[in-house]
Amino acid sequence: MSTTAWIIVVIVVAVVVVAAAGWIGRRRSVENRRVEAMEHREEAQERARRAERADVAASELNVVAERERAAARESAERARDVDPDVDESADEPAGGRTIR
């Protein structure tokens, strides 16, 4: 085989090796991005679950807070009813009571 033929064979082999290395590298890069995307999805799902649990807890706390507000209003009403210093005959715009 002539020197020119050997040079052509070496160049073709080099091109094939470089192309294969590029293909393998790109394939690894795509696989790495798939793994990264999967990790992001898992994190997003976990955060969504935590947010849902926080929403449920907040709703439950809101119910408790409403009960406490109602109890506080009832206690304040009883205090006004029992307080000897409250003048119920006074005219106030909001229907409140005046302290003597």
Foldseek 3Di string as FASTA:
>chain_A
DDPVVVVVVVVVVVVVVVVVVVVVVVVVVVVVVVVVVVVVVVVVVVVVVVVVVVVVVVVVVVVVVVVVVVVVVVVVVVCLVPDPQWAQVDDDPVSGTDGD
